[in-house]
N, C-alpha and C. Protein backbone atom coordinates (compact mmCIF):
# COMPACT_ATOMS: atom_id res chain seq x y z
N MET A 1 15.41 -163.33 29.49
CA MET A 1 15.54 -162.06 28.83
C MET A 1 14.55 -161.92 27.68
N SER A 2 14.30 -163.01 26.94
CA SER A 2 13.35 -162.91 25.83
C SER A 2 11.93 -162.74 26.34
N ASP A 3 11.65 -163.20 27.56
CA ASP A 3 10.32 -162.97 28.14
C ASP A 3 10.04 -161.48 28.28
N ASN A 4 11.05 -160.72 28.65
CA ASN A 4 10.88 -159.27 28.76
C ASN A 4 10.58 -158.65 27.40
N GLY A 5 11.22 -159.16 26.37
CA GLY A 5 10.97 -158.67 25.02
C GLY A 5 9.55 -158.97 24.57
N VAL A 6 9.08 -160.18 24.90
CA VAL A 6 7.71 -160.55 24.55
C VAL A 6 6.72 -159.67 25.30
N ALA A 7 6.97 -159.46 26.59
CA ALA A 7 6.08 -158.62 27.40
C ALA A 7 6.08 -157.19 26.87
N LEU A 8 7.24 -156.70 26.49
CA LEU A 8 7.33 -155.34 25.97
C LEU A 8 6.58 -155.23 24.64
N GLY A 9 6.74 -156.23 23.79
CA GLY A 9 6.02 -156.26 22.52
C GLY A 9 4.52 -156.27 22.72
N ARG A 10 4.08 -157.07 23.69
CA ARG A 10 2.64 -157.13 23.99
C ARG A 10 2.14 -155.79 24.53
N ALA A 11 2.95 -155.15 25.36
CA ALA A 11 2.56 -153.85 25.92
C ALA A 11 2.42 -152.81 24.80
N PHE A 12 3.39 -152.80 23.88
CA PHE A 12 3.29 -151.87 22.75
C PHE A 12 2.06 -152.16 21.89
N ALA A 13 1.80 -153.45 21.67
CA ALA A 13 0.63 -153.84 20.87
C ALA A 13 -0.66 -153.42 21.56
N ALA A 14 -0.72 -153.60 22.88
CA ALA A 14 -1.91 -153.22 23.64
C ALA A 14 -2.12 -151.70 23.58
N GLU A 15 -1.03 -150.95 23.70
CA GLU A 15 -1.15 -149.49 23.63
C GLU A 15 -1.61 -149.06 22.24
N ARG A 16 -1.06 -149.68 21.20
CA ARG A 16 -1.46 -149.38 19.83
C ARG A 16 -2.94 -149.72 19.62
N ASN A 17 -3.36 -150.86 20.17
CA ASN A 17 -4.76 -151.27 20.06
C ASN A 17 -5.68 -150.27 20.76
N ALA A 18 -5.29 -149.82 21.95
CA ALA A 18 -6.09 -148.83 22.68
C ALA A 18 -6.16 -147.52 21.91
N THR A 19 -5.06 -147.12 21.32
CA THR A 19 -5.04 -145.89 20.52
C THR A 19 -5.96 -146.01 19.31
N ASP A 20 -5.90 -147.18 18.66
CA ASP A 20 -6.78 -147.42 17.50
C ASP A 20 -8.25 -147.35 17.90
N TRP A 21 -8.59 -147.95 19.04
CA TRP A 21 -9.98 -147.95 19.49
C TRP A 21 -10.44 -146.54 19.86
N ARG A 22 -9.56 -145.75 20.48
CA ARG A 22 -9.92 -144.36 20.80
C ARG A 22 -10.19 -143.57 19.52
N ALA A 23 -9.35 -143.77 18.52
CA ALA A 23 -9.56 -143.07 17.24
C ALA A 23 -10.86 -143.52 16.59
N TYR A 24 -11.14 -144.80 16.66
CA TYR A 24 -12.39 -145.34 16.10
C TYR A 24 -13.60 -144.75 16.84
N ALA A 25 -13.51 -144.67 18.16
CA ALA A 25 -14.61 -144.10 18.96
C ALA A 25 -14.82 -142.63 18.60
N ARG A 26 -13.74 -141.88 18.42
CA ARG A 26 -13.88 -140.46 18.03
C ARG A 26 -14.54 -140.35 16.66
N LYS A 27 -14.16 -141.23 15.74
CA LYS A 27 -14.77 -141.22 14.41
C LYS A 27 -16.27 -141.52 14.51
N LEU A 28 -16.64 -142.51 15.31
CA LEU A 28 -18.06 -142.83 15.49
C LEU A 28 -18.82 -141.68 16.12
N GLU A 29 -18.21 -141.01 17.09
CA GLU A 29 -18.85 -139.86 17.73
C GLU A 29 -19.10 -138.75 16.70
N GLN A 30 -18.15 -138.51 15.82
CA GLN A 30 -18.31 -137.49 14.78
C GLN A 30 -19.41 -137.89 13.79
N GLN A 31 -19.45 -139.18 13.43
CA GLN A 31 -20.49 -139.65 12.53
C GLN A 31 -21.86 -139.53 13.17
N LEU A 32 -21.95 -139.84 14.46
CA LEU A 32 -23.22 -139.71 15.18
C LEU A 32 -23.65 -138.25 15.24
N LEU A 33 -22.72 -137.37 15.53
CA LEU A 33 -23.04 -135.94 15.57
C LEU A 33 -23.54 -135.46 14.21
N ALA A 34 -22.88 -135.89 13.14
CA ALA A 34 -23.31 -135.51 11.79
C ALA A 34 -24.70 -136.06 11.49
N ALA A 35 -24.97 -137.30 11.92
CA ALA A 35 -26.29 -137.90 11.69
C ALA A 35 -27.36 -137.12 12.47
N GLU A 36 -27.05 -136.74 13.71
CA GLU A 36 -28.01 -135.96 14.51
C GLU A 36 -28.26 -134.59 13.88
N ALA A 37 -27.21 -133.96 13.36
CA ALA A 37 -27.36 -132.66 12.71
C ALA A 37 -28.19 -132.80 11.43
N ASN A 38 -27.94 -133.85 10.66
CA ASN A 38 -28.73 -134.10 9.45
C ASN A 38 -30.19 -134.34 9.80
N LEU A 39 -30.44 -135.08 10.85
CA LEU A 39 -31.81 -135.35 11.28
C LEU A 39 -32.52 -134.04 11.65
N ALA A 40 -31.83 -133.19 12.40
CA ALA A 40 -32.43 -131.90 12.79
C ALA A 40 -32.72 -131.05 11.56
N GLY A 41 -31.77 -131.00 10.62
CA GLY A 41 -31.98 -130.23 9.40
C GLY A 41 -33.12 -130.78 8.56
N ASN A 42 -33.18 -132.10 8.42
CA ASN A 42 -34.26 -132.72 7.65
C ASN A 42 -35.61 -132.50 8.29
N LYS A 43 -35.67 -132.53 9.63
CA LYS A 43 -36.93 -132.28 10.32
C LYS A 43 -37.39 -130.84 10.08
N ALA A 44 -36.48 -129.89 10.16
CA ALA A 44 -36.83 -128.49 9.91
C ALA A 44 -37.32 -128.30 8.48
N LEU A 45 -36.64 -128.93 7.54
CA LEU A 45 -37.03 -128.84 6.14
C LEU A 45 -38.40 -129.47 5.91
N LYS A 46 -38.63 -130.64 6.52
CA LYS A 46 -39.93 -131.32 6.39
C LYS A 46 -41.04 -130.45 6.97
N ASP A 47 -40.80 -129.88 8.14
CA ASP A 47 -41.82 -129.03 8.77
C ASP A 47 -42.15 -127.82 7.90
N ALA A 48 -41.13 -127.20 7.32
CA ALA A 48 -41.37 -126.04 6.45
C ALA A 48 -42.15 -126.46 5.20
N ALA A 49 -41.77 -127.59 4.62
CA ALA A 49 -42.47 -128.07 3.42
C ALA A 49 -43.93 -128.41 3.74
N LEU A 50 -44.18 -129.00 4.90
CA LEU A 50 -45.56 -129.33 5.27
C LEU A 50 -46.40 -128.07 5.51
N ARG A 51 -45.79 -127.05 6.09
CA ARG A 51 -46.52 -125.79 6.28
C ARG A 51 -46.93 -125.20 4.93
N GLU A 52 -46.01 -125.22 3.98
CA GLU A 52 -46.32 -124.70 2.64
C GLU A 52 -47.35 -125.57 1.93
N LEU A 53 -47.24 -126.89 2.07
CA LEU A 53 -48.21 -127.80 1.46
C LEU A 53 -49.59 -127.58 2.06
N ALA A 54 -49.65 -127.34 3.36
CA ALA A 54 -50.94 -127.10 4.02
C ALA A 54 -51.62 -125.85 3.46
N LYS A 55 -50.82 -124.85 3.13
CA LYS A 55 -51.38 -123.63 2.53
C LYS A 55 -51.89 -123.89 1.11
N ALA A 56 -51.10 -124.64 0.34
CA ALA A 56 -51.41 -124.85 -1.08
C ALA A 56 -52.47 -125.92 -1.29
N ASP A 57 -52.43 -126.99 -0.49
CA ASP A 57 -53.34 -128.12 -0.70
C ASP A 57 -53.60 -128.83 0.63
N PRO A 58 -54.49 -128.26 1.45
CA PRO A 58 -54.73 -128.82 2.79
C PRO A 58 -55.23 -130.26 2.78
N ALA A 59 -55.83 -130.71 1.69
CA ALA A 59 -56.37 -132.07 1.62
C ALA A 59 -55.35 -133.06 1.03
N ASN A 60 -54.13 -132.63 0.82
CA ASN A 60 -53.12 -133.49 0.21
C ASN A 60 -52.89 -134.74 1.05
N TYR A 61 -52.66 -135.85 0.36
CA TYR A 61 -52.38 -137.15 0.97
C TYR A 61 -51.26 -137.06 2.02
N LEU A 62 -50.26 -136.24 1.77
CA LEU A 62 -49.12 -136.14 2.67
C LEU A 62 -49.41 -135.32 3.93
N MET A 63 -50.56 -134.69 4.00
CA MET A 63 -50.91 -133.95 5.21
C MET A 63 -51.32 -134.89 6.34
N VAL A 64 -51.60 -136.13 6.02
CA VAL A 64 -51.97 -137.13 7.04
C VAL A 64 -50.69 -137.81 7.51
N GLN A 65 -50.42 -137.70 8.81
CA GLN A 65 -49.18 -138.22 9.37
C GLN A 65 -48.99 -139.71 9.11
N GLN A 66 -50.06 -140.49 9.18
CA GLN A 66 -49.94 -141.93 8.95
C GLN A 66 -49.47 -142.23 7.52
N ASN A 67 -49.88 -141.42 6.56
CA ASN A 67 -49.43 -141.60 5.18
C ASN A 67 -47.94 -141.32 5.05
N ARG A 68 -47.50 -140.25 5.70
CA ARG A 68 -46.06 -139.94 5.69
C ARG A 68 -45.28 -141.05 6.39
N GLN A 69 -45.82 -141.55 7.50
CA GLN A 69 -45.14 -142.60 8.25
C GLN A 69 -45.01 -143.87 7.43
N ARG A 70 -46.04 -144.20 6.67
CA ARG A 70 -46.01 -145.39 5.82
C ARG A 70 -44.87 -145.28 4.79
N ILE A 71 -44.73 -144.12 4.19
CA ILE A 71 -43.66 -143.89 3.21
C ILE A 71 -42.29 -144.02 3.89
N TYR A 72 -42.17 -143.40 5.05
CA TYR A 72 -40.91 -143.44 5.81
C TYR A 72 -40.57 -144.88 6.20
N ASP A 73 -41.55 -145.59 6.75
CA ASP A 73 -41.31 -146.95 7.24
C ASP A 73 -40.86 -147.89 6.14
N LYS A 74 -41.40 -147.71 4.95
CA LYS A 74 -41.06 -148.60 3.84
C LYS A 74 -39.55 -148.58 3.57
N ASP A 75 -38.99 -147.40 3.41
CA ASP A 75 -37.55 -147.30 3.14
C ASP A 75 -36.71 -147.59 4.38
N PHE A 76 -37.18 -147.15 5.54
CA PHE A 76 -36.46 -147.42 6.79
C PHE A 76 -36.32 -148.92 6.99
N ASP A 77 -37.44 -149.63 6.87
CA ASP A 77 -37.43 -151.08 7.07
C ASP A 77 -36.57 -151.79 6.04
N ALA A 78 -36.57 -151.31 4.81
CA ALA A 78 -35.75 -151.93 3.76
C ALA A 78 -34.26 -151.80 4.08
N VAL A 79 -33.85 -150.64 4.56
CA VAL A 79 -32.44 -150.45 4.91
C VAL A 79 -32.08 -151.33 6.10
N ILE A 80 -32.92 -151.36 7.12
CA ILE A 80 -32.65 -152.18 8.31
C ILE A 80 -32.58 -153.65 7.92
N ALA A 81 -33.50 -154.11 7.11
CA ALA A 81 -33.54 -155.53 6.71
C ALA A 81 -32.31 -155.92 5.91
N SER A 82 -31.81 -155.01 5.10
CA SER A 82 -30.65 -155.34 4.26
C SER A 82 -29.34 -155.22 5.02
N GLY A 83 -29.37 -154.50 6.13
CA GLY A 83 -28.14 -154.31 6.89
C GLY A 83 -27.16 -153.38 6.21
N ARG A 84 -27.60 -152.69 5.18
CA ARG A 84 -26.70 -151.80 4.46
C ARG A 84 -26.80 -150.38 5.00
N ARG A 85 -25.75 -149.64 4.78
CA ARG A 85 -25.76 -148.23 5.12
C ARG A 85 -26.11 -147.44 3.88
N PRO A 86 -27.05 -146.50 3.99
CA PRO A 86 -27.42 -145.70 2.82
C PRO A 86 -26.24 -144.86 2.36
N VAL A 87 -26.20 -144.63 1.07
CA VAL A 87 -25.10 -143.84 0.49
C VAL A 87 -25.47 -142.39 0.49
């Protein structure tokens, strides 16, 4: 009889675990969607800023894509290397 109780307890624990994982997956999906939306917004903002910079100062250092990439890579690599999530 106690074997049935153990099995029932394990079944409830497994169901609770599955529910927790589903909730965690939904949370990750929402975070990913927010990150994708932020990326799209930042790209649009960057493109608009570059268009304005090109009008005001076409020879600006930031008009060269490799220069922008170098700036981006520095902080990107630092975050990846540290394993931290930006605030």
